[in-house]
C-alpha atoms as a PDB file:
ATOM      1  CA  MET A   1      57.962  43.026  21.826  1.00  0.00           C
ATOM      2  CA  SER A   2      58.595  41.903  18.310  1.00  0.00           C
ATOM      3  CA  PRO A   3      61.859  42.817  16.540  1.00  0.00           C
ATOM      4  CA  ALA A   4      61.795  45.840  14.292  1.00  0.00           C
ATOM      5  CA  ALA A   5      60.387  45.111  10.834  1.00  0.00           C
ATOM      6  CA  PRO A   6      62.864  45.199   7.950  1.00  0.00           C
ATOM      7  CA  PRO A   7      62.957  48.300   5.685  1.00  0.00           C
ATOM      8  CA  ALA A   8      60.795  48.154   2.518  1.00  0.00           C
ATOM      9  CA  ARG A   9      63.967  48.579   0.446  1.00  0.00           C
ATOM     10  CA  PRO A  10      66.961  46.138   0.209  1.00  0.00           C
ATOM     11  CA  VAL A  11      69.260  46.043   3.213  1.00  0.00           C
ATOM     12  CA  PRO A  12      72.676  44.407   3.947  1.00  0.00           C
ATOM     13  CA  SER A  13      72.191  40.645   4.119  1.00  0.00           C
ATOM     14  CA  LEU A  14      73.805  40.393   7.570  1.00  0.00           C
ATOM     15  CA  ALA A  15      71.260  42.726   9.150  1.00  0.00           C
ATOM     16  CA  LEU A  16      68.468  40.928   7.371  1.00  0.00           C
ATOM     17  CA  ALA A  17      69.599  37.460   8.443  1.00  0.00           C
ATOM     18  CA  ARG A  18      69.881  38.753  12.016  1.00  0.00           C
ATOM     19  CA  TRP A  19      66.352  40.148  11.831  1.00  0.00           C
ATOM     20  CA  CYS A  20      64.984  36.775  10.632  1.00  0.00           C
ATOM     21  CA  ALA A  21      66.859  34.872  13.371  1.00  0.00           C
ATOM     22  CA  ALA A  22      65.403  37.294  15.978  1.00  0.00           C
ATOM     23  CA  ASN A  23      61.945  36.278  14.751  1.00  0.00           C
ATOM     24  CA  GLY A  24      62.895  32.589  15.297  1.00  0.00           C
ATOM     25  CA  TRP A  25      63.224  31.914  11.608  1.00  0.00           C
ATOM     26  CA  PRO A  26      66.236  29.627  10.629  1.00  0.00           C
ATOM     27  CA  VAL A  27      68.106  31.178   7.662  1.00  0.00           C
ATOM     28  CA  HIS A  28      70.521  29.844   5.047  1.00  0.00           C
ATOM     29  CA  PRO A  29      72.583  31.533   2.417  1.00  0.00           C
ATOM     30  CA  LEU A  30      71.528  32.085  -1.281  1.00  0.00           C
ATOM     31  CA  ALA A  31      73.976  32.215  -4.073  1.00  0.00           C
ATOM     32  CA  PRO A  32      74.914  35.827  -4.709  1.00  0.00           C
ATOM     33  CA  GLY A  33      72.364  37.620  -6.929  1.00  0.00           C
ATOM     34  CA  ARG A  34      70.208  34.490  -7.247  1.00  0.00           C
ATOM     35  CA  LYS A  35      67.187  32.960  -5.503  1.00  0.00           C
ATOM     36  CA  THR A  36      68.725  29.532  -5.261  1.00  0.00           C
ATOM     37  CA  PRO A  37      70.826  28.182  -2.301  1.00  0.00           C
ATOM     38  CA  ILE A  38      74.524  28.543  -2.231  1.00  0.00           C
ATOM     39  CA  ALA A  39      76.359  25.487  -3.807  1.00  0.00           C
ATOM     40  CA  ASN A  40      77.258  22.537  -1.671  1.00  0.00           C
ATOM     41  CA  CYS A  41      80.827  22.022  -0.752  1.00  0.00           C
ATOM     42  CA  SER A  42      83.005  19.820  -3.035  1.00  0.00           C
ATOM     43  CA  ALA A  43      82.599  16.727  -0.786  1.00  0.00           C
ATOM     44  CA  CYS A  44      78.693  16.995  -0.820  1.00  0.00           C
ATOM     45  CA  LYS A  45      78.767  17.620  -4.615  1.00  0.00           C
ATOM     46  CA  THR A  46      80.546  14.373  -5.349  1.00  0.00           C
ATOM     47  CA  ARG A  47      78.590  11.935  -3.159  1.00  0.00           C
ATOM     48  CA  THR A  48      74.913  11.076  -2.528  1.00  0.00           C
ATOM     49  CA  HIS A  49      73.946  11.074   1.045  1.00  0.00           C
ATOM     50  CA  ASP A  50      71.203  12.039   3.464  1.00  0.00           C
ATOM     51  CA  ALA A  51      71.288  15.632   4.229  1.00  0.00           C
ATOM     52  CA  ALA A  52      70.153  15.172   7.910  1.00  0.00           C
ATOM     53  CA  SER A  53      73.292  13.010   8.578  1.00  0.00           C
ATOM     54  CA  CYS A  54      75.641  15.235   6.611  1.00  0.00           C
ATOM     55  CA  PRO A  55      78.734  16.179   8.826  1.00  0.00           C
ATOM     56  CA  CYS A  56      78.776  19.624   7.157  1.00  0.00           C
ATOM     57  CA  LEU A  57      75.679  20.789   9.096  1.00  0.00           C
ATOM     58  CA  PRO A  58      76.993  20.354  12.621  1.00  0.00           C
ATOM     59  CA  ALA A  59      80.387  21.795  11.293  1.00  0.00           C
ATOM     60  CA  GLY A  60      78.505  24.987  10.360  1.00  0.00           C
ATOM     61  CA  ARG A  61      78.896  24.653   6.584  1.00  0.00           C
ATOM     62  CA  PRO A  62      75.820  25.839   4.645  1.00  0.00           C
ATOM     63  CA  CYS A  63      75.301  22.700   2.491  1.00  0.00           C
ATOM     64  CA  HIS A  64      71.922  21.275   1.422  1.00  0.00           C
ATOM     65  CA  GLY A  65      69.896  24.445   1.342  1.00  0.00           C
ATOM     66  CA  PHE A  66      67.147  24.713   3.851  1.00  0.00           C
ATOM     67  CA  HIS A  67      68.586  21.862   5.947  1.00  0.00           C
ATOM     68  CA  ALA A  68      71.351  24.229   6.883  1.00  0.00           C
ATOM     69  CA  GLY A  69      68.950  26.832   8.354  1.00  0.00           C
ATOM     70  CA  THR A  70      70.021  28.262  11.682  1.00  0.00           C
ATOM     71  CA  THR A  71      69.261  31.058  14.098  1.00  0.00           C
ATOM     72  CA  ASP A  72      72.821  30.911  15.577  1.00  0.00           C
ATOM     73  CA  LEU A  73      74.193  34.407  15.509  1.00  0.00           C
ATOM     74  CA  ASP A  74      77.836  33.276  15.406  1.00  0.00           C
ATOM     75  CA  ARG A  75      77.185  31.126  12.365  1.00  0.00           C
ATOM     76  CA  ILE A  76      75.155  33.875  10.800  1.00  0.00           C
ATOM     77  CA  GLU A  77      78.069  36.280  11.307  1.00  0.00           C
ATOM     78  CA  ARG A  78      80.456  33.764   9.533  1.00  0.00           C
ATOM     79  CA  TRP A  79      78.063  33.319   6.611  1.00  0.00           C
ATOM     80  CA  TRP A  80      77.102  36.869   5.931  1.00  0.00           C
ATOM     81  CA  GLY A  81      79.912  38.941   7.579  1.00  0.00           C
ATOM     82  CA  GLY A  82      82.772  40.675   5.807  1.00  0.00           C
ATOM     83  CA  ALA A  83      82.356  40.977   2.080  1.00  0.00           C
ATOM     84  CA  SER A  84      79.837  38.207   1.690  1.00  0.00           C
ATOM     85  CA  ARG A  85      77.276  38.837  -1.169  1.00  0.00           C
ATOM     86  CA  ALA A  86      75.102  35.957  -0.277  1.00  0.00           C
ATOM     87  CA  GLY A  87      71.385  36.460  -0.122  1.00  0.00           C
ATOM     88  CA  VAL A  88      69.108  35.319   2.686  1.00  0.00           C
ATOM     89  CA  ALA A  89      66.461  32.536   2.637  1.00  0.00           C
ATOM     90  CA  VAL A  90      64.220  31.249   5.423  1.00  0.00           C
ATOM     91  CA  ALA A  91      63.653  27.478   6.044  1.00  0.00           C
ATOM     92  CA  CYS A  92      59.855  27.494   6.148  1.00  0.00           C
ATOM     93  CA  GLY A  93      59.278  24.279   8.002  1.00  0.00           C
ATOM     94  CA  ALA A  94      61.627  24.900  10.845  1.00  0.00           C
ATOM     95  CA  ALA A  95      60.237  28.519  11.128  1.00  0.00           C
ATOM     96  CA  SER A  96      56.626  27.224  11.360  1.00  0.00           C
ATOM     97  CA  LEU A  97      55.778  29.352   8.300  1.00  0.00           C
ATOM     98  CA  VAL A  98      53.347  28.672   5.521  1.00  0.00           C
ATOM     99  CA  VAL A  99      53.992  30.914   2.495  1.00  0.00           C
ATOM    100  CA  ILE A 100      51.600  31.157  -0.412  1.00  0.00           C
ATOM    101  CA  ASP A 101      53.622  31.787  -3.462  1.00  0.00           C
ATOM    102  CA  VAL A 102      51.418  33.321  -6.158  1.00  0.00           C
ATOM    103  CA  ASP A 103      52.883  33.152  -9.683  1.00  0.00           C
ATOM    104  CA  ALA A 104      52.178  35.366 -12.751  1.00  0.00           C
ATOM    105  CA  HIS A 105      53.822  33.293 -15.471  1.00  0.00           C
ATOM    106  CA  SER A 106      52.880  33.610 -19.122  1.00  0.00           C
ATOM    107  CA  VAL A 107      51.704  30.129 -19.834  1.00  0.00           C
ATOM    108  CA  ALA A 108      48.659  28.516 -21.366  1.00  0.00           C
ATOM    109  CA  VAL A 109      45.636  28.335 -18.989  1.00  0.00           C
ATOM    110  CA  PRO A 110      44.743  24.642 -18.327  1.00  0.00           C
ATOM    111  CA  ASP A 111      41.219  23.072 -18.465  1.00  0.00           C
ATOM    112  CA  ARG A 112      38.776  24.691 -15.973  1.00  0.00           C
ATOM    113  CA  ASN A 113      38.701  21.521 -13.941  1.00  0.00           C
ATOM    114  CA  ARG A 114      42.479  21.641 -13.278  1.00  0.00           C
ATOM    115  CA  LEU A 115      42.472  25.177 -11.958  1.00  0.00           C
ATOM    116  CA  LEU A 116      41.402  24.278  -8.405  1.00  0.00           C
ATOM    117  CA  PRO A 117      42.234  20.632  -7.616  1.00  0.00           C
ATOM    118  CA  GLY A 118      39.292  18.642  -6.290  1.00  0.00           C
ATOM    119  CA  ILE A 119      36.749  21.473  -7.203  1.00  0.00           C
ATOM    120  CA  PRO A 120      34.949  21.104 -10.565  1.00  0.00           C
ATOM    121  CA  ILE A 121      34.128  24.526 -11.976  1.00  0.00           C
ATOM    122  CA  HIS A 122      30.750  24.680 -13.717  1.00  0.00           C
ATOM    123  CA  LYS A 123      30.771  25.723 -17.345  1.00  0.00           C
ATOM    124  CA  ALA A 124      28.399  28.621 -16.360  1.00  0.00           C
ATOM    125  CA  VAL A 125      31.324  30.278 -14.458  1.00  0.00           C
ATOM    126  CA  ASN A 126      32.929  32.843 -16.746  1.00  0.00           C
ATOM    127  CA  LEU A 127      36.725  32.424 -16.745  1.00  0.00           C
ATOM    128  CA  ASP A 128      37.471  35.134 -19.317  1.00  0.00           C
ATOM    129  CA  GLY A 129      40.435  37.136 -18.141  1.00  0.00           C
ATOM    130  CA  LEU A 130      41.905  34.404 -15.959  1.00  0.00           C
ATOM    131  CA  THR A 131      45.656  34.441 -16.719  1.00  0.00           C
ATOM    132  CA  SER A 132      47.644  33.831 -13.461  1.00  0.00           C
ATOM    133  CA  GLY A 133      47.836  32.449  -9.979  1.00  0.00           C
ATOM    134  CA  PHE A 134      46.322  35.737  -8.691  1.00  0.00           C
ATOM    135  CA  ASP A 135      43.132  34.788 -10.602  1.00  0.00           C
ATOM    136  CA  SER A 136      42.951  31.111  -9.585  1.00  0.00           C
ATOM    137  CA  LEU A 137      43.587  32.073  -5.926  1.00  0.00           C
ATOM    138  CA  ALA A 138      40.870  34.773  -6.098  1.00  0.00           C
ATOM    139  CA  LEU A 139      38.511  32.170  -7.592  1.00  0.00           C
ATOM    140  CA  LEU A 140      39.148  29.760  -4.774  1.00  0.00           C
ATOM    141  CA  SER A 141      38.722  32.502  -2.162  1.00  0.00           C
ATOM    142  CA  ALA A 142      35.458  33.661  -3.785  1.00  0.00           C
ATOM    143  CA  LEU A 143      34.033  30.113  -3.724  1.00  0.00           C
ATOM    144  CA  ARG A 144      34.785  29.944   0.018  1.00  0.00           C
ATOM    145  CA  GLY A 145      33.497  33.459   0.676  1.00  0.00           C
ATOM    146  CA  GLN A 146      36.851  34.729   1.724  1.00  0.00           C
ATOM    147  CA  VAL A 147      39.301  37.467   0.929  1.00  0.00           C
ATOM    148  CA  SER A 148      42.103  36.301  -1.341  1.00  0.00           C
ATOM    149  CA  PRO A 149      45.345  35.959   0.554  1.00  0.00           C
ATOM    150  CA  ALA A 150      46.898  38.126  -2.161  1.00  0.00           C
ATOM    151  CA  GLU A 151      44.664  40.908  -0.751  1.00  0.00           C
ATOM    152  CA  ASP A 152      45.237  40.071   2.881  1.00  0.00           C
ATOM    153  CA  GLU A 153      46.497  43.362   4.446  1.00  0.00           C
ATOM    154  CA  SER A 154      46.890  41.754   7.812  1.00  0.00           C
ATOM    155  CA  THR A 155      49.926  39.740   6.992  1.00  0.00           C
ATOM    156  CA  LEU A 156      53.360  40.147   5.420  1.00  0.00           C
ATOM    157  CA  ARG A 157      53.200  40.196   1.568  1.00  0.00           C
ATOM    158  CA  VAL A 158      56.295  40.436  -0.584  1.00  0.00           C
ATOM    159  CA  ARG A 159      56.318  41.348  -4.294  1.00  0.00           C
ATOM    160  CA  THR A 160      58.742  39.285  -6.368  1.00  0.00           C
ATOM    161  CA  PRO A 161      60.936  40.498  -9.234  1.00  0.00           C
ATOM    162  CA  SER A 162      58.801  38.401 -11.665  1.00  0.00           C
ATOM    163  CA  GLY A 163      55.567  40.147 -10.604  1.00  0.00           C
ATOM    164  CA  GLY A 164      54.458  37.356  -8.300  1.00  0.00           C
ATOM    165  CA  LEU A 165      53.599  37.604  -4.595  1.00  0.00           C
ATOM    166  CA  HIS A 166      54.729  35.816  -1.444  1.00  0.00           C
ATOM    167  CA  VAL A 167      52.038  35.857   1.254  1.00  0.00           C
ATOM    168  CA  TRP A 168      53.555  34.873   4.584  1.00  0.00           C
ATOM    169  CA  TYR A 169      51.546  33.175   7.339  1.00  0.00           C
ATOM    170  CA  ARG A 170      52.491  31.852  10.728  1.00  0.00           C
ATOM    171  CA  ASN A 171      51.335  28.309  11.415  1.00  0.00           C
ATOM    172  CA  PRO A 172      49.494  28.607  14.772  1.00  0.00           C
ATOM    173  CA  PHE A 173      49.481  24.828  15.323  1.00  0.00           C
ATOM    174  CA  PRO A 174      53.149  23.771  14.642  1.00  0.00           C
ATOM    175  CA  LEU A 175      52.343  20.156  15.478  1.00  0.00           C
ATOM    176  CA  THR A 176      50.255  20.090  12.233  1.00  0.00           C
ATOM    177  CA  ARG A 177      52.883  20.494   9.478  1.00  0.00           C
ATOM    178  CA  TYR A 178      52.170  21.383   5.873  1.00  0.00           C
ATOM    179  CA  ARG A 179      54.200  20.185   2.982  1.00  0.00           C
ATOM    180  CA  SER A 180      55.476  22.350   0.049  1.00  0.00           C
ATOM    181  CA  SER A 181      53.841  21.993  -3.298  1.00  0.00           C
ATOM    182  CA  ALA A 182      53.830  23.396  -6.842  1.00  0.00           C
ATOM    183  CA  GLY A 183      50.727  24.984  -8.429  1.00  0.00           C
ATOM    184  CA  SER A 184      51.321  22.732 -11.522  1.00  0.00           C
ATOM    185  CA  SER A 185      51.545  19.444  -9.584  1.00  0.00           C
ATOM    186  CA  PRO A 186      48.928  16.787 -10.668  1.00  0.00           C
ATOM    187  CA  LYS A 187      49.124  15.279  -7.119  1.00  0.00           C
ATOM    188  CA  VAL A 188      49.338  17.999  -4.423  1.00  0.00           C
ATOM    189  CA  ALA A 189      48.430  21.547  -5.223  1.00  0.00           C
ATOM    190  CA  LEU A 190      46.314  24.321  -3.881  1.00  0.00           C
ATOM    191  CA  ALA A 191      45.498  26.192  -7.114  1.00  0.00           C
ATOM    192  CA  TRP A 192      46.981  26.622 -10.554  1.00  0.00           C
ATOM    193  CA  GLN A 193      50.103  28.893 -10.479  1.00  0.00           C
ATOM    194  CA  VAL A 194      49.871  28.939  -6.644  1.00  0.00           C
ATOM    195  CA  ASP A 195      52.782  27.255  -4.895  1.00  0.00           C
ATOM    196  CA  VAL A 196      53.016  26.443  -1.167  1.00  0.00           C
ATOM    197  CA  ARG A 197      56.246  26.965   0.725  1.00  0.00           C
ATOM    198  CA  ALA A 198      56.273  25.073   4.012  1.00  0.00           C
ATOM    199  CA  GLN A 199      57.870  21.794   5.244  1.00  0.00           C
ATOM    200  CA  GLY A 200      60.600  20.842   2.759  1.00  0.00           C
ATOM    201  CA  GLY A 201      60.964  24.250   1.314  1.00  0.00           C
ATOM    202  CA  TYR A 202      62.405  27.775   1.748  1.00  0.00           C
ATOM    203  CA  ILE A 203      61.415  31.319   0.883  1.00  0.00           C
ATOM    204  CA  VAL A 204      63.545  34.349  -0.086  1.00  0.00           C
ATOM    205  CA  ALA A 205      63.574  36.819   2.790  1.00  0.00           C
ATOM    206  CA  PRO A 206      61.903  40.222   2.176  1.00  0.00           C
ATOM    207  CA  ALA A 207      64.233  42.997   1.245  1.00  0.00           C
ATOM    208  CA  THR A 208      66.604  40.599  -0.497  1.00  0.00           C
ATOM    209  CA  ARG A 209      68.094  41.813  -3.899  1.00  0.00           C
ATOM    210  CA  THR A 210      68.842  39.478  -6.751  1.00  0.00           C
ATOM    211  CA  LEU A 211      70.032  40.061 -10.387  1.00  0.00           C
ATOM    212  CA  GLN A 212      66.365  40.126 -11.455  1.00  0.00           C
ATOM    213  CA  GLY A 213      65.330  42.640  -8.862  1.00  0.00           C
ATOM    214  CA  SER A 214      64.463  42.942  -5.233  1.00  0.00           C
ATOM    215  CA  TYR A 215      61.844  41.260  -2.987  1.00  0.00           C
ATOM    216  CA  ASP A 216      59.825  44.164  -1.644  1.00  0.00           C
ATOM    217  CA  ALA A 217      57.208  44.173   1.096  1.00  0.00           C
ATOM    218  CA  VAL A 218      53.878  45.675   0.124  1.00  0.00           C
ATOM    219  CA  GLY A 219      51.240  47.220   2.332  1.00  0.00           C
ATOM    220  CA  ASP A 220      51.800  48.050   6.013  1.00  0.00           C
ATOM    221  CA  ALA A 221      52.210  44.566   7.513  1.00  0.00           C
ATOM    222  CA  ARG A 222      55.731  43.532   8.120  1.00  0.00           C
ATOM    223  CA  LEU A 223      55.217  40.268  10.096  1.00  0.00           C
ATOM    224  CA  PRO A 224      53.204  37.200   9.263  1.00  0.00           C
ATOM    225  CA  ALA A 225      49.630  36.744  10.613  1.00  0.00           C
ATOM    226  CA  ALA A 226      48.261  33.391  11.756  1.00  0.00           C
ATOM    227  CA  LEU A 227      47.234  31.140   8.934  1.00  0.00           C
ATOM    228  CA  PRO A 228      43.441  31.679   8.432  1.00  0.00           C
ATOM    229  CA  GLU A 229      41.290  28.669   9.407  1.00  0.00           C
ATOM    230  CA  TRP A 230      39.666  28.498   5.964  1.00  0.00           C
ATOM    231  CA  LEU A 231      43.025  28.326   4.266  1.00  0.00           C
ATOM    232  CA  ALA A 232      44.172  25.607   6.693  1.00  0.00           C
ATOM    233  CA  GLN A 233      41.110  23.665   5.706  1.00  0.00           C
ATOM    234  CA  GLU A 234      41.894  24.021   1.992  1.00  0.00           C
ATOM    235  CA  LEU A 235      45.510  22.830   2.610  1.00  0.00           C
ATOM    236  CA  THR A 236      44.143  19.841   4.486  1.00  0.00           C
ATOM    237  CA  ARG A 237      41.602  19.146   1.691  1.00  0.00           C
ATOM    238  CA  THR A 238      44.308  19.258  -0.946  1.00  0.00           C
ATOM    239  CA  GLY A 239      46.648  16.848   0.748  1.00  0.00           C
ATOM    240  CA  HIS A 240      49.213  19.300   2.186  1.00  0.00           C
ATOM    241  CA  VAL A 241      49.162  17.995   5.738  1.00  0.00           C
ATOM    242  CA  VAL A 242      52.193  15.784   6.547  1.00  0.00           C
ATOM    243  CA  ASP A 243      50.248  12.664   7.544  1.00  0.00           C
ATOM    244  CA  GLU A 244      52.688  11.152   9.985  1.00  0.00           C
ATOM    245  CA  ASP A 245      52.453  14.174  12.171  1.00  0.00           C
ATOM    246  CA  LEU A 246      48.704  14.024  12.649  1.00  0.00           C
ATOM    247  CA  PRO A 247      47.702  12.771  16.071  1.00  0.00           C
ATOM    248  CA  LYS A 248      46.025   9.379  15.735  1.00  0.00           C
ATOM    249  CA  PRO A 249      43.168   8.079  17.969  1.00  0.00           C
ATOM    250  CA  ALA A 250      44.892   6.173  20.827  1.00  0.00           C
ATOM    251  CA  PRO A 251      43.315   2.847  21.759  1.00  0.00           C
ATOM    252  CA  ALA A 252      41.210   3.161  25.035  1.00  0.00           C
ATOM    253  CA  ARG A 253      43.213   1.948  27.987  1.00  0.00           C
ATOM    254  CA  ARG A 254      41.762  -0.940  30.053  1.00  0.00           C
ATOM    255  CA  SER A 255      39.902   0.495  33.037  1.00  0.00           C
ATOM    256  CA  TRP A 256      40.093  -2.762  34.990  1.00  0.00           C
ATOM    257  CA  SER A 257      42.831  -4.160  37.153  1.00  0.00           C
ATOM    258  CA  ARG A 258      44.255  -7.678  37.023  1.00  0.00           C
ATOM    259  CA  ALA A 259      42.448  -8.346  40.279  1.00  0.00           C
ATOM    260  CA  GLN A 260      39.147  -7.543  38.642  1.00  0.00           C
ATOM    261  CA  GLY A 261      39.804  -9.915  35.709  1.00  0.00           C
ATOM    262  CA  ARG A 262      38.472  -9.291  32.203  1.00  0.00           C
ATOM    263  CA  PRO A 263      35.640  -6.837  31.614  1.00  0.00           C
ATOM    264  CA  SER A 264      32.152  -7.984  31.255  1.00  0.00           C
ATOM    265  CA  GLY A 265      30.442  -8.615  27.918  1.00  0.00           C
ATOM    266  CA  LYS A 266      28.668  -5.323  28.315  1.00  0.00           C
ATOM    267  CA  ALA A 267      31.906  -3.409  28.914  1.00  0.00           C
ATOM    268  CA  ARG A 268      33.516  -5.071  25.975  1.00  0.00           C
ATOM    269  CA  GLY A 269      30.499  -4.142  23.821  1.00  0.00           C
ATOM    270  CA  ALA A 270      30.467  -0.621  25.054  1.00  0.00           C
ATOM    271  CA  ARG A 271      34.179  -0.146  24.249  1.00  0.00           C
ATOM    272  CA  GLN A 272      33.743  -1.645  20.818  1.00  0.00           C
ATOM    273  CA  LEU A 273      30.791   0.658  20.059  1.00  0.00           C
ATOM    274  CA  LEU A 274      32.808   3.654  21.187  1.00  0.00           C
ATOM    275  CA  MET A 275      35.836   2.744  19.083  1.00  0.00           C
ATOM    276  CA  GLN A 276      33.529   2.399  16.033  1.00  0.00           C
ATOM    277  CA  LEU A 277      32.108   5.848  16.658  1.00  0.00           C
ATOM    278  CA  ALA A 278      35.507   7.376  17.193  1.00  0.00           C
ATOM    279  CA  ALA A 279      36.674   5.867  13.914  1.00  0.00           C
ATOM    280  CA  THR A 280      33.802   7.599  12.001  1.00  0.00           C
ATOM    281  CA  VAL A 281      35.079  10.860  13.537  1.00  0.00           C
ATOM    282  CA  SER A 282      38.750  10.397  12.570  1.00  0.00           C
ATOM    283  CA  GLU A 283      37.814   9.342   9.045  1.00  0.00           C
ATOM    284  CA  CYS A 284      36.558  12.936   8.534  1.00  0.00           C
ATOM    285  CA  SER A 285      40.208  13.831   8.053  1.00  0.00           C
ATOM    286  CA  ALA A 286      39.831  12.757   4.445  1.00  0.00           C
ATOM    287  CA  ALA A 287      37.924  15.981   3.699  1.00  0.00           C
ATOM    288  CA  SER A 288      37.790  19.433   5.392  1.00  0.00           C
ATOM    289  CA  GLU A 289      34.005  19.816   4.982  1.00  0.00           C
ATOM    290  CA  GLY A 290      30.859  17.858   3.835  1.00  0.00           C
ATOM    291  CA  THR A 291      31.595  14.863   6.162  1.00  0.00           C
ATOM    292  CA  GLY A 292      29.157  15.641   8.934  1.00  0.00           C
ATOM    293  CA  PHE A 293      32.107  15.972  11.339  1.00  0.00           C
ATOM    294  CA  THR A 294      30.209  17.957  14.107  1.00  0.00           C
ATOM    295  CA  GLU A 295      27.220  15.581  14.004  1.00  0.00           C
ATOM    296  CA  LYS A 296      29.532  12.475  14.184  1.00  0.00           C
ATOM    297  CA  LEU A 297      31.517  13.926  17.087  1.00  0.00           C
ATOM    298  CA  ASN A 298      28.468  15.035  18.978  1.00  0.00           C
ATOM    299  CA  ARG A 299      26.779  11.591  18.533  1.00  0.00           C
ATOM    300  CA  ALA A 300      29.972   9.822  19.722  1.00  0.00           C
ATOM    301  CA  ALA A 301      30.199  12.152  22.803  1.00  0.00           C
ATOM    302  CA  PHE A 302      26.531  11.724  23.566  1.00  0.00           C
ATOM    303  CA  THR A 303      26.758   7.935  23.400  1.00  0.00           C
ATOM    304  CA  ALA A 304      29.952   7.959  25.505  1.00  0.00           C
ATOM    305  CA  GLY A 305      28.248  10.114  28.128  1.00  0.00           C
ATOM    306  CA  GLY A 306      25.347   7.665  28.403  1.00  0.00           C
ATOM    307  CA  LEU A 307      27.618   4.595  28.616  1.00  0.00           C
ATOM    308  CA  SER A 308      29.837   6.346  31.258  1.00  0.00           C
ATOM    309  CA  ALA A 309      26.796   7.224  33.318  1.00  0.00           C
ATOM    310  CA  ALA A 310      25.721   3.591  33.192  1.00  0.00           C
ATOM    311  CA  GLY A 311      29.077   2.501  34.518  1.00  0.00           C
ATOM    312  CA  GLN A 312      30.168   0.792  31.343  1.00  0.00           C
ATOM    313  CA  LEU A 313      33.034   3.131  30.348  1.00  0.00           C
ATOM    314  CA  ASP A 314      35.545   5.328  32.164  1.00  0.00           C
ATOM    315  CA  GLU A 315      34.832   9.015  31.665  1.00  0.00           C
ATOM    316  CA  SER A 316      38.400  10.262  31.451  1.00  0.00           C
ATOM    317  CA  GLU A 317      39.446   7.559  29.086  1.00  0.00           C
ATOM    318  CA  VAL A 318      36.626   7.967  26.572  1.00  0.00           C
ATOM    319  CA  LYS A 319      37.041  11.827  26.607  1.00  0.00           C
ATOM    320  CA  GLN A 320      40.800  11.218  25.788  1.00  0.00           C
ATOM    321  CA  LEU A 321      39.874   8.885  22.924  1.00  0.00           C
ATOM    322  CA  LEU A 322      37.354  11.214  21.455  1.00  0.00           C
ATOM    323  CA  THR A 323      39.689  14.247  21.731  1.00  0.00           C
ATOM    324  CA  ALA A 324      42.391  12.251  19.853  1.00  0.00           C
ATOM    325  CA  ALA A 325      39.900  11.239  17.110  1.00  0.00           C
ATOM    326  CA  ALA A 326      38.628  14.908  16.712  1.00  0.00           C
ATOM    327  CA  GLN A 327      42.146  16.296  16.626  1.00  0.00           C
ATOM    328  CA  ALA A 328      43.113  13.823  13.921  1.00  0.00           C
ATOM    329  CA  ALA A 329      40.186  15.062  11.775  1.00  0.00           C
ATOM    330  CA  ARG A 330      40.120  18.735  12.574  1.00  0.00           C
ATOM    331  CA  PRO A 331      43.461  19.727  14.186  1.00  0.00           C
ATOM    332  CA  TRP A 332      43.020  23.467  13.508  1.00  0.00           C
ATOM    333  CA  GLN A 333      39.894  23.755  15.814  1.00  0.00           C
ATOM    334  CA  SER A 334      40.960  22.139  19.078  1.00  0.00           C
ATOM    335  CA  ALA A 335      38.856  24.436  21.297  1.00  0.00           C
ATOM    336  CA  ARG A 336      35.689  23.853  19.257  1.00  0.00           C
ATOM    337  CA  ASN A 337      36.363  20.090  19.323  1.00  0.00           C
ATOM    338  CA  GLU A 338      36.636  20.171  23.070  1.00  0.00           C
ATOM    339  CA  LYS A 339      33.337  22.070  23.444  1.00  0.00           C
ATOM    340  CA  ILE A 340      31.410  19.601  21.199  1.00  0.00           C
ATOM    341  CA  ILE A 341      32.801  16.736  23.248  1.00  0.00           C
ATOM    342  CA  LEU A 342      32.050  18.268  26.614  1.00  0.00           C
ATOM    343  CA  ASP A 343      28.439  19.420  25.570  1.00  0.00           C
ATOM    344  CA  GLY A 344      27.697  16.054  23.983  1.00  0.00           C
ATOM    345  CA  PHE A 345      29.006  14.040  26.986  1.00  0.00           C
ATOM    346  CA  ALA A 346      27.099  16.190  29.448  1.00  0.00           C
ATOM    347  CA  ALA A 347      23.846  15.739  27.482  1.00  0.00           C
ATOM    348  CA  GLY A 348      24.350  11.922  27.191  1.00  0.00           C
ATOM    349  CA  ALA A 349      25.196  11.634  30.882  1.00  0.00           C
ATOM    350  CA  VAL A 350      21.698  12.554  32.048  1.00  0.00           C
ATOM    351  CA  ARG A 351      20.414   9.582  30.102  1.00  0.00           C
ATOM    352  CA  PRO A 352      22.454   6.500  31.228  1.00  0.00           C
ATOM    353  CA  PHE A 353      22.767   4.036  28.249  1.00  0.00           C
ATOM    354  CA  HIS A 354      22.725   0.402  29.212  1.00  0.00           C
ATOM    355  CA  LEU A 355      24.081  -1.474  26.277  1.00  0.00           C
ATOM    356  CA  GLU A 356      22.439  -4.929  25.729  1.00  0.00           C
ATOM    357  CA  GLY A 357      24.813  -7.809  26.263  1.00  0.00           C
ATOM    358  CA  HIS A 358      25.896 -10.477  28.707  1.00  0.00           C
ATOM    359  CA  SER A 359      26.998  -9.541  32.213  1.00  0.00           C
END
């Protein structure tokens, strides 16, 4: 059973921190009345060093913001017990959370082709009245035929003191991590005035009070829903996936023993062909759509089935290779990837494919 949801109004920070920890979300203190982390200790202020190796963290000192995030109840008691006025923040990456931070700042609207990175907006599209991140996020959602996250009543949404909105989602595939970004970034951004809080970032916990006001949950949902597939695709398209964590296609293991010697020319040719087909599948990771991913994966699986049926490739090894390639390109649809591979392989297996080459 999930822990009880926090009240809609501000609550004592200790109770709030305990609730977050009970949900598995590492927490760290905010400066009293502010939305920024509590200041580092004097030693950390006067020297530059890597947060991960800082002795303050294992000692239980809340230095370095989200790096200090913890679910340890004893530490939480020390940080927020007694007369502590510190606020509560959640370390998004460690909590496997992706929070869409929608801003409503009064700033000049940029050129239409900078509103949605990577998506040119035709001049026929009327942008009159577009003034904030709510509008740019609604535009992106409309182009994808989806409900805007700002209107997603299935998940936890938190109104900020400045009039913005935090839309909380749970990452259903934690091995695929998303990086934080700012909506004004020229490099990695989801939409204008729409920030992403994920790996490398933190978010103010709901029901926290600051000098500017409180962070109040809106609607009925009090827990994050799973990140929608279409939004995961948009985060991938806009460069938010932490590349080093994506599974990479593993090279096919040799299916012959030393006693058997080196494989025949046909086997080597079959393996080379499959590696080429797998590469076209994994290359689809460069874009979330418009790459012919399904067709490429189906063709690779069909060819692999035929080569396997002809005795030129090992079935388990080629399925492992294709699964890794598909996961690298479309990590959010593992079940669908597996179905495409199995169906394509089965279809190809009824038509053995004898690759031309030397025996």
